[in-house]
Amino acid sequence: MRAFTSGCVCVAPRRSQEMLRALQAGDFARAEEIRERFNSLESLRNAHGPIPVLHHAAELANIANTGPSLPLMADLAEELRDKIFPVATGLLGWNAG
């Protein structure tokens, strides 16, 4: 595997690269451990839309001021943002660790 795409790389780029290196080395057990850590945000993205969830995740984790949602895209409810916040900040902290 030379590369892959992941929205969660925006929140935890170091860990995403770690997963890529594990895959390239054939260490699928380690790659799966890392993928599991991303799974909570990926599950939210799958359930509620990859773009709006990642948009809010980047802002809620203080990665970037992402501004208003794109035209024709609904903003996410406060309750959902409350679910995204701990997941995004947790991934960001894990990335730094």
N, C-alpha and C. Protein backbone atom coordinates (compact mmCIF):
# COMPACT_ATOMS: atom_id res chain seq x y z
N MET A 1 0.84 -1.16 0.00
CA MET A 1 0.00 0.00 0.00
C MET A 1 0.89 1.23 0.00
N ARG A 2 0.65 2.11 -0.95
CA ARG A 2 1.44 3.33 -1.04
C ARG A 2 0.81 4.49 -0.28
N ALA A 3 -0.52 4.52 -0.25
CA ALA A 3 -1.22 5.63 0.39
C ALA A 3 -2.67 5.25 0.61
N PHE A 4 -3.38 6.06 1.38
CA PHE A 4 -4.81 5.91 1.56
C PHE A 4 -5.36 7.27 1.94
N THR A 5 -6.67 7.40 1.90
CA THR A 5 -7.28 8.66 2.30
C THR A 5 -8.08 8.45 3.57
N SER A 6 -8.16 9.49 4.34
CA SER A 6 -8.91 9.43 5.58
C SER A 6 -9.22 10.86 6.02
N GLY A 7 -10.48 11.13 6.30
CA GLY A 7 -10.81 12.44 6.84
C GLY A 7 -10.21 12.64 8.22
N CYS A 8 -10.08 11.57 8.96
CA CYS A 8 -9.57 11.67 10.33
C CYS A 8 -8.10 12.07 10.37
N VAL A 9 -7.41 12.00 9.24
CA VAL A 9 -6.04 12.45 9.21
C VAL A 9 -5.96 13.94 9.57
N CYS A 10 -7.04 14.66 9.35
CA CYS A 10 -7.09 16.08 9.70
C CYS A 10 -7.02 16.29 11.20
N VAL A 11 -7.45 15.31 11.96
CA VAL A 11 -7.47 15.42 13.43
C VAL A 11 -6.24 14.76 14.04
N ALA A 12 -5.78 13.67 13.46
CA ALA A 12 -4.64 12.94 14.02
C ALA A 12 -3.68 12.51 12.91
N PRO A 13 -2.98 13.46 12.28
CA PRO A 13 -2.12 13.13 11.15
C PRO A 13 -0.96 12.21 11.50
N ARG A 14 -0.37 12.40 12.66
CA ARG A 14 0.77 11.55 13.05
C ARG A 14 0.35 10.11 13.18
N ARG A 15 -0.82 9.89 13.76
CA ARG A 15 -1.31 8.51 13.94
C ARG A 15 -1.74 7.90 12.61
N SER A 16 -2.27 8.72 11.72
CA SER A 16 -2.63 8.23 10.40
C SER A 16 -1.38 7.75 9.65
N GLN A 17 -0.31 8.52 9.74
CA GLN A 17 0.94 8.11 9.11
C GLN A 17 1.50 6.85 9.76
N GLU A 18 1.32 6.73 11.06
CA GLU A 18 1.75 5.53 11.78
C GLU A 18 0.99 4.31 11.25
N MET A 19 -0.30 4.48 10.99
CA MET A 19 -1.09 3.38 10.45
C MET A 19 -0.61 3.02 9.05
N LEU A 20 -0.33 4.01 8.23
CA LEU A 20 0.17 3.74 6.88
C LEU A 20 1.49 2.98 6.94
N ARG A 21 2.40 3.39 7.80
CA ARG A 21 3.68 2.68 7.91
C ARG A 21 3.48 1.24 8.39
N ALA A 22 2.55 1.04 9.31
CA ALA A 22 2.26 -0.33 9.77
C ALA A 22 1.72 -1.17 8.62
N LEU A 23 0.83 -0.62 7.82
CA LEU A 23 0.29 -1.35 6.67
C LEU A 23 1.39 -1.67 5.67
N GLN A 24 2.25 -0.71 5.40
CA GLN A 24 3.34 -0.92 4.45
C GLN A 24 4.31 -1.99 4.94
N ALA A 25 4.47 -2.07 6.25
CA ALA A 25 5.37 -3.07 6.84
C ALA A 25 4.70 -4.43 6.99
N GLY A 26 3.40 -4.50 6.70
CA GLY A 26 2.68 -5.76 6.86
C GLY A 26 2.29 -6.04 8.30
N ASP A 27 2.39 -5.04 9.16
CA ASP A 27 2.01 -5.20 10.57
C ASP A 27 0.52 -4.86 10.70
N PHE A 28 -0.30 -5.79 10.24
CA PHE A 28 -1.73 -5.55 10.18
C PHE A 28 -2.38 -5.49 11.56
N ALA A 29 -1.79 -6.17 12.52
CA ALA A 29 -2.32 -6.11 13.89
C ALA A 29 -2.17 -4.69 14.44
N ARG A 30 -1.00 -4.08 14.23
CA ARG A 30 -0.79 -2.71 14.70
C ARG A 30 -1.68 -1.73 13.93
N ALA A 31 -1.79 -1.92 12.63
CA ALA A 31 -2.66 -1.05 11.83
C ALA A 31 -4.10 -1.13 12.32
N GLU A 32 -4.55 -2.32 12.67
CA GLU A 32 -5.92 -2.48 13.17
C GLU A 32 -6.10 -1.80 14.52
N GLU A 33 -5.10 -1.87 15.38
CA GLU A 33 -5.17 -1.17 16.67
C GLU A 33 -5.37 0.33 16.45
N ILE A 34 -4.62 0.88 15.52
CA ILE A 34 -4.71 2.30 15.24
C ILE A 34 -6.06 2.62 14.61
N ARG A 35 -6.50 1.80 13.66
CA ARG A 35 -7.79 2.03 13.00
C ARG A 35 -8.92 2.03 14.00
N GLU A 36 -8.84 1.16 14.99
CA GLU A 36 -9.88 1.12 16.03
C GLU A 36 -9.99 2.44 16.77
N ARG A 37 -8.87 3.11 16.99
CA ARG A 37 -8.90 4.40 17.69
C ARG A 37 -9.61 5.47 16.85
N PHE A 38 -9.51 5.36 15.53
CA PHE A 38 -10.18 6.29 14.63
C PHE A 38 -11.66 5.96 14.46
N ASN A 39 -12.05 4.76 14.83
CA ASN A 39 -13.38 4.26 14.51
C ASN A 39 -14.51 5.10 15.09
N SER A 40 -14.34 5.68 16.25
CA SER A 40 -15.44 6.46 16.85
C SER A 40 -15.77 7.69 15.99
N LEU A 41 -14.76 8.39 15.50
CA LEU A 41 -15.03 9.54 14.64
C LEU A 41 -15.51 9.07 13.26
N GLU A 42 -14.94 8.02 12.75
CA GLU A 42 -15.39 7.49 11.45
C GLU A 42 -16.84 7.03 11.53
N SER A 43 -17.24 6.46 12.63
CA SER A 43 -18.64 6.04 12.79
C SER A 43 -19.58 7.23 12.79
N LEU A 44 -19.19 8.30 13.46
CA LEU A 44 -20.00 9.52 13.43
C LEU A 44 -20.06 10.09 12.02
N ARG A 45 -18.96 10.05 11.31
CA ARG A 45 -18.94 10.54 9.93
C ARG A 45 -19.86 9.70 9.05
N ASN A 46 -19.82 8.39 9.21
CA ASN A 46 -20.67 7.51 8.41
C ASN A 46 -22.14 7.73 8.71
N ALA A 47 -22.45 7.98 9.96
CA ALA A 47 -23.86 8.12 10.36
C ALA A 47 -24.44 9.50 10.03
N HIS A 48 -23.60 10.55 10.07
CA HIS A 48 -24.15 11.91 9.98
C HIS A 48 -23.55 12.75 8.85
N GLY A 49 -22.74 12.13 8.04
CA GLY A 49 -22.15 12.83 6.90
C GLY A 49 -20.68 13.12 7.12
N PRO A 50 -19.83 12.66 6.23
CA PRO A 50 -18.39 12.83 6.43
C PRO A 50 -17.93 14.28 6.45
N ILE A 51 -18.50 15.11 5.61
CA ILE A 51 -18.04 16.50 5.55
C ILE A 51 -18.48 17.30 6.78
N PRO A 52 -19.76 17.30 7.13
CA PRO A 52 -20.13 18.13 8.29
C PRO A 52 -19.52 17.67 9.60
N VAL A 53 -19.38 16.37 9.79
CA VAL A 53 -18.79 15.88 11.04
C VAL A 53 -17.32 16.29 11.12
N LEU A 54 -16.58 16.12 10.04
CA LEU A 54 -15.18 16.52 10.06
C LEU A 54 -15.03 18.03 10.19
N HIS A 55 -15.92 18.76 9.55
CA HIS A 55 -15.93 20.23 9.66
C HIS A 55 -16.04 20.65 11.13
N HIS A 56 -16.98 20.06 11.84
CA HIS A 56 -17.16 20.39 13.25
C HIS A 56 -16.04 19.82 14.12
N ALA A 57 -15.55 18.64 13.78
CA ALA A 57 -14.47 18.04 14.57
C ALA A 57 -13.24 18.93 14.57
N ALA A 58 -12.87 19.45 13.40
CA ALA A 58 -11.69 20.32 13.32
C ALA A 58 -11.88 21.59 14.14
N GLU A 59 -13.07 22.12 14.12
CA GLU A 59 -13.32 23.35 14.90
C GLU A 59 -13.42 23.05 16.39
N LEU A 60 -14.14 22.01 16.75
CA LEU A 60 -14.33 21.69 18.17
C LEU A 60 -13.02 21.31 18.85
N ALA A 61 -12.09 20.74 18.10
CA ALA A 61 -10.80 20.36 18.67
C ALA A 61 -9.79 21.51 18.60
N ASN A 62 -10.26 22.70 18.18
CA ASN A 62 -9.41 23.89 18.06
C ASN A 62 -8.25 23.70 17.09
N ILE A 63 -8.49 22.91 16.04
CA ILE A 63 -7.49 22.74 14.99
C ILE A 63 -7.57 23.92 14.03
N ALA A 64 -8.79 24.34 13.70
CA ALA A 64 -9.00 25.45 12.78
C ALA A 64 -10.38 26.03 12.98
N ASN A 65 -10.50 27.31 12.70
CA ASN A 65 -11.81 27.94 12.67
C ASN A 65 -12.38 27.65 11.29
N THR A 66 -13.27 26.67 11.21
CA THR A 66 -13.76 26.21 9.91
C THR A 66 -14.89 27.06 9.36
N GLY A 67 -15.42 27.98 10.15
CA GLY A 67 -16.44 28.88 9.65
C GLY A 67 -17.79 28.19 9.46
N PRO A 68 -18.70 28.88 8.76
CA PRO A 68 -20.04 28.31 8.58
C PRO A 68 -20.01 27.12 7.63
N SER A 69 -21.05 26.31 7.72
CA SER A 69 -21.17 25.17 6.82
C SER A 69 -21.31 25.65 5.38
N LEU A 70 -20.93 24.79 4.47
CA LEU A 70 -21.04 25.11 3.04
C LEU A 70 -22.50 25.30 2.65
N PRO A 71 -22.74 26.08 1.61
CA PRO A 71 -24.12 26.21 1.12
C PRO A 71 -24.70 24.84 0.77
N LEU A 72 -25.98 24.70 1.01
CA LEU A 72 -26.73 23.46 0.75
C LEU A 72 -26.38 22.33 1.70
N MET A 73 -25.60 22.62 2.74
CA MET A 73 -25.30 21.60 3.76
C MET A 73 -25.91 22.06 5.07
N ALA A 74 -26.63 21.17 5.69
CA ALA A 74 -27.25 21.49 6.97
C ALA A 74 -26.21 21.51 8.07
N ASP A 75 -26.37 22.42 9.00
CA ASP A 75 -25.50 22.46 10.17
C ASP A 75 -25.91 21.31 11.09
N LEU A 76 -24.98 20.81 11.86
CA LEU A 76 -25.28 19.71 12.77
C LEU A 76 -25.90 20.23 14.05
N ALA A 77 -26.80 19.45 14.61
CA ALA A 77 -27.46 19.81 15.86
C ALA A 77 -26.46 19.87 17.01
N GLU A 78 -26.77 20.70 17.98
CA GLU A 78 -25.91 20.86 19.15
C GLU A 78 -25.65 19.53 19.85
N GLU A 79 -26.66 18.68 19.92
CA GLU A 79 -26.49 17.38 20.59
C GLU A 79 -25.43 16.54 19.88
N LEU A 80 -25.40 16.60 18.56
CA LEU A 80 -24.41 15.84 17.81
C LEU A 80 -23.03 16.46 17.98
N ARG A 81 -22.95 17.77 18.00
CA ARG A 81 -21.66 18.43 18.25
C ARG A 81 -21.14 18.06 19.63
N ASP A 82 -22.04 17.87 20.59
CA ASP A 82 -21.64 17.43 21.93
C ASP A 82 -21.04 16.03 21.90
N LYS A 83 -21.44 15.21 20.94
CA LYS A 83 -20.87 13.86 20.79
C LYS A 83 -19.53 13.92 20.04
N ILE A 84 -19.42 14.84 19.10
CA ILE A 84 -18.20 14.96 18.30
C ILE A 84 -17.05 15.51 19.15
N PHE A 85 -17.35 16.46 20.03
CA PHE A 85 -16.31 17.14 20.80
C PHE A 85 -15.36 16.19 21.53
N PRO A 86 -15.85 15.27 22.38
CA PRO A 86 -14.89 14.43 23.11
C PRO A 86 -14.13 13.47 22.19
N VAL A 87 -14.76 13.05 21.13
CA VAL A 87 -14.09 12.15 20.19
C VAL A 87 -12.95 12.89 19.48
N ALA A 88 -13.24 14.09 18.98
CA ALA A 88 -12.22 14.86 18.27
C ALA A 88 -11.09 15.29 19.19
N THR A 89 -11.40 15.76 20.37
CA THR A 89 -10.33 16.18 21.28
C THR A 89 -9.52 14.99 21.78
N GLY A 90 -10.19 13.85 21.92
CA GLY A 90 -9.47 12.63 22.31
C GLY A 90 -8.49 12.20 21.25
N LEU A 91 -8.90 12.25 19.98
CA LEU A 91 -7.98 11.90 18.89
C LEU A 91 -6.83 12.89 18.80
N LEU A 92 -7.12 14.15 19.00
CA LEU A 92 -6.07 15.16 18.95
C LEU A 92 -5.05 14.93 20.06
N GLY A 93 -5.52 14.64 21.25
CA GLY A 93 -4.62 14.35 22.37
C GLY A 93 -3.79 13.09 22.12
N TRP A 94 -4.42 12.06 21.57
CA TRP A 94 -3.73 10.81 21.25
C TRP A 94 -2.67 11.07 20.18
N ASN A 95 -2.97 11.92 19.22
CA ASN A 95 -2.02 12.27 18.18
C ASN A 95 -0.77 12.93 18.77
N ALA A 96 -0.99 13.77 19.78
CA ALA A 96 0.14 14.50 20.39
C ALA A 96 0.97 13.61 21.31
N GLY A 97 0.35 12.54 21.83
CA GLY A 97 1.01 11.70 22.82
C GLY A 97 2.06 10.79 22.35
